[in-house]
Amino acid sequence: MSDTIGKNIVKCRKLNGISQRYLADKIGISSQGLLKIEKGIVSPRAATLKKVAETLCITPNQLFGLEEIEEDNSSILQRLRREHKE
């Protein structure tokens, strides 16, 4: 399960042009911690998963691989992209 979550985090980050460092800062963990989650080395806590889903504007079902992650042009993702580029 951790492997699926990690792959979905990477997929969503890349679809939206968000770096590991940016996401890690937004969810309050180290870049190294996020890397371990993305590689499936560690299982994130529920609170961390909630922050990831909220920050990436995806549902828990998408994070767990129960629904497909598709690029979304919502204003929230556009704001994240602008913040990321600054």
C-alpha atoms as a PDB file:
ATOM      1  CA  MET A   1       0.000   0.000   0.000  1.00  0.00           C
ATOM      2  CA  SER A   2       2.827   2.449   0.849  1.00  0.00           C
ATOM      3  CA  ASP A   3       4.303   1.868  -2.585  1.00  0.00           C
ATOM      4  CA  THR A   4       1.006   2.824  -4.266  1.00  0.00           C
ATOM      5  CA  ILE A   5       0.664   5.943  -2.145  1.00  0.00           C
ATOM      6  CA  GLY A   6       4.222   6.982  -2.949  1.00  0.00           C
ATOM      7  CA  LYS A   7       3.769   6.470  -6.672  1.00  0.00           C
ATOM      8  CA  ASN A   8       0.550   8.473  -6.621  1.00  0.00           C
ATOM      9  CA  ILE A   9       2.210  11.329  -4.765  1.00  0.00           C
ATOM     10  CA  VAL A  10       4.979  11.410  -7.379  1.00  0.00           C
ATOM     11  CA  LYS A  11       2.484  11.218 -10.243  1.00  0.00           C
ATOM     12  CA  CYS A  12       0.371  14.060  -8.894  1.00  0.00           C
ATOM     13  CA  ARG A  13       3.411  16.202  -8.087  1.00  0.00           C
ATOM     14  CA  LYS A  14       4.802  15.780 -11.583  1.00  0.00           C
ATOM     15  CA  LEU A  15       1.453  16.363 -13.315  1.00  0.00           C
ATOM     16  CA  ASN A  16       1.278  19.694 -11.559  1.00  0.00           C
ATOM     17  CA  GLY A  17       4.944  20.715 -11.678  1.00  0.00           C
ATOM     18  CA  ILE A  18       5.438  20.631  -7.917  1.00  0.00           C
ATOM     19  CA  SER A  19       8.870  19.790  -6.521  1.00  0.00           C
ATOM     20  CA  GLN A  20       9.577  17.453  -3.623  1.00  0.00           C
ATOM     21  CA  ARG A  21      11.004  20.313  -1.615  1.00  0.00           C
ATOM     22  CA  TYR A  22       7.911  22.462  -2.143  1.00  0.00           C
ATOM     23  CA  LEU A  23       5.514  19.674  -1.138  1.00  0.00           C
ATOM     24  CA  ALA A  24       7.630  18.693   1.839  1.00  0.00           C
ATOM     25  CA  ASP A  25       7.661  22.306   3.061  1.00  0.00           C
ATOM     26  CA  LYS A  26       3.891  22.626   2.591  1.00  0.00           C
ATOM     27  CA  ILE A  27       3.113  19.465   4.567  1.00  0.00           C
ATOM     28  CA  GLY A  28       5.722  20.106   7.263  1.00  0.00           C
ATOM     29  CA  ILE A  29       8.187  17.271   6.735  1.00  0.00           C
ATOM     30  CA  SER A  30      11.732  17.077   5.405  1.00  0.00           C
ATOM     31  CA  SER A  31      12.491  16.461   1.744  1.00  0.00           C
ATOM     32  CA  GLN A  32      14.222  13.259   2.845  1.00  0.00           C
ATOM     33  CA  GLY A  33      11.070  12.173   4.688  1.00  0.00           C
ATOM     34  CA  LEU A  34       8.964  12.794   1.590  1.00  0.00           C
ATOM     35  CA  LEU A  35      11.452  10.872  -0.545  1.00  0.00           C
ATOM     36  CA  LYS A  36      11.106   7.869   1.782  1.00  0.00           C
ATOM     37  CA  ILE A  37       7.312   8.065   1.515  1.00  0.00           C
ATOM     38  CA  GLU A  38       7.457   8.325  -2.282  1.00  0.00           C
ATOM     39  CA  LYS A  39       9.754   5.307  -2.500  1.00  0.00           C
ATOM     40  CA  GLY A  40       7.518   3.277  -0.179  1.00  0.00           C
ATOM     41  CA  ILE A  41      10.258   2.932   2.435  1.00  0.00           C
ATOM     42  CA  VAL A  42       8.096   4.359   5.216  1.00  0.00           C
ATOM     43  CA  SER A  43       4.360   4.509   5.733  1.00  0.00           C
ATOM     44  CA  PRO A  44       3.159   8.045   6.392  1.00  0.00           C
ATOM     45  CA  ARG A  45       0.931   8.876   9.335  1.00  0.00           C
ATOM     46  CA  ALA A  46      -2.721   9.660   8.696  1.00  0.00           C
ATOM     47  CA  ALA A  47      -2.173  13.351   9.443  1.00  0.00           C
ATOM     48  CA  THR A  48       0.602  13.491   6.833  1.00  0.00           C
ATOM     49  CA  LEU A  49      -1.589  11.747   4.249  1.00  0.00           C
ATOM     50  CA  LYS A  50      -4.351  14.259   4.915  1.00  0.00           C
ATOM     51  CA  LYS A  51      -1.946  17.180   4.377  1.00  0.00           C
ATOM     52  CA  VAL A  52      -0.595  15.607   1.169  1.00  0.00           C
ATOM     53  CA  ALA A  53      -4.080  15.101  -0.265  1.00  0.00           C
ATOM     54  CA  GLU A  54      -5.152  18.630   0.670  1.00  0.00           C
ATOM     55  CA  THR A  55      -1.986  20.228  -0.691  1.00  0.00           C
ATOM     56  CA  LEU A  56      -2.142  18.309  -3.979  1.00  0.00           C
ATOM     57  CA  CYS A  57      -5.912  18.855  -4.226  1.00  0.00           C
ATOM     58  CA  ILE A  58      -6.675  15.155  -4.574  1.00  0.00           C
ATOM     59  CA  THR A  59      -9.035  12.846  -2.744  1.00  0.00           C
ATOM     60  CA  PRO A  60      -7.916  10.120  -0.351  1.00  0.00           C
ATOM     61  CA  ASN A  61      -9.244   7.594  -2.893  1.00  0.00           C
ATOM     62  CA  GLN A  62      -6.887   9.038  -5.515  1.00  0.00           C
ATOM     63  CA  LEU A  63      -4.004   8.970  -3.062  1.00  0.00           C
ATOM     64  CA  PHE A  64      -4.663   5.287  -2.267  1.00  0.00           C
ATOM     65  CA  GLY A  65      -5.034   4.383  -5.948  1.00  0.00           C
ATOM     66  CA  LEU A  66      -8.771   3.704  -5.834  1.00  0.00           C
ATOM     67  CA  GLU A  67      -9.478   6.492  -8.350  1.00  0.00           C
ATOM     68  CA  GLU A  68      -7.394   7.777 -11.264  1.00  0.00           C
ATOM     69  CA  ILE A  69      -5.353  10.953 -10.801  1.00  0.00           C
ATOM     70  CA  GLU A  70      -5.838  13.350 -13.673  1.00  0.00           C
ATOM     71  CA  GLU A  71      -4.528  16.838 -14.168  1.00  0.00           C
ATOM     72  CA  ASP A  72      -7.044  19.355 -12.941  1.00  0.00           C
ATOM     73  CA  ASN A  73      -7.183  22.981 -14.032  1.00  0.00           C
ATOM     74  CA  SER A  74      -8.869  24.205 -10.871  1.00  0.00           C
ATOM     75  CA  SER A  75      -7.930  27.546  -9.364  1.00  0.00           C
ATOM     76  CA  ILE A  76      -6.338  25.743  -6.404  1.00  0.00           C
ATOM     77  CA  LEU A  77      -3.849  23.910  -8.633  1.00  0.00           C
ATOM     78  CA  GLN A  78      -3.156  27.074 -10.582  1.00  0.00           C
ATOM     79  CA  ARG A  79      -2.389  28.842  -7.292  1.00  0.00           C
ATOM     80  CA  LEU A  80      -0.048  26.028  -6.268  1.00  0.00           C
ATOM     81  CA  ARG A  81       1.755  26.278  -9.603  1.00  0.00           C
ATOM     82  CA  ARG A  82       2.195  30.047  -9.203  1.00  0.00           C
ATOM     83  CA  GLU A  83       3.484  29.659  -5.644  1.00  0.00           C
ATOM     84  CA  HIS A  84       5.862  26.915  -6.757  1.00  0.00           C
ATOM     85  CA  LYS A  85       7.378  29.065  -9.516  1.00  0.00           C
ATOM     86  CA  GLU A  86       7.990  32.061  -7.194  1.00  0.00           C
END
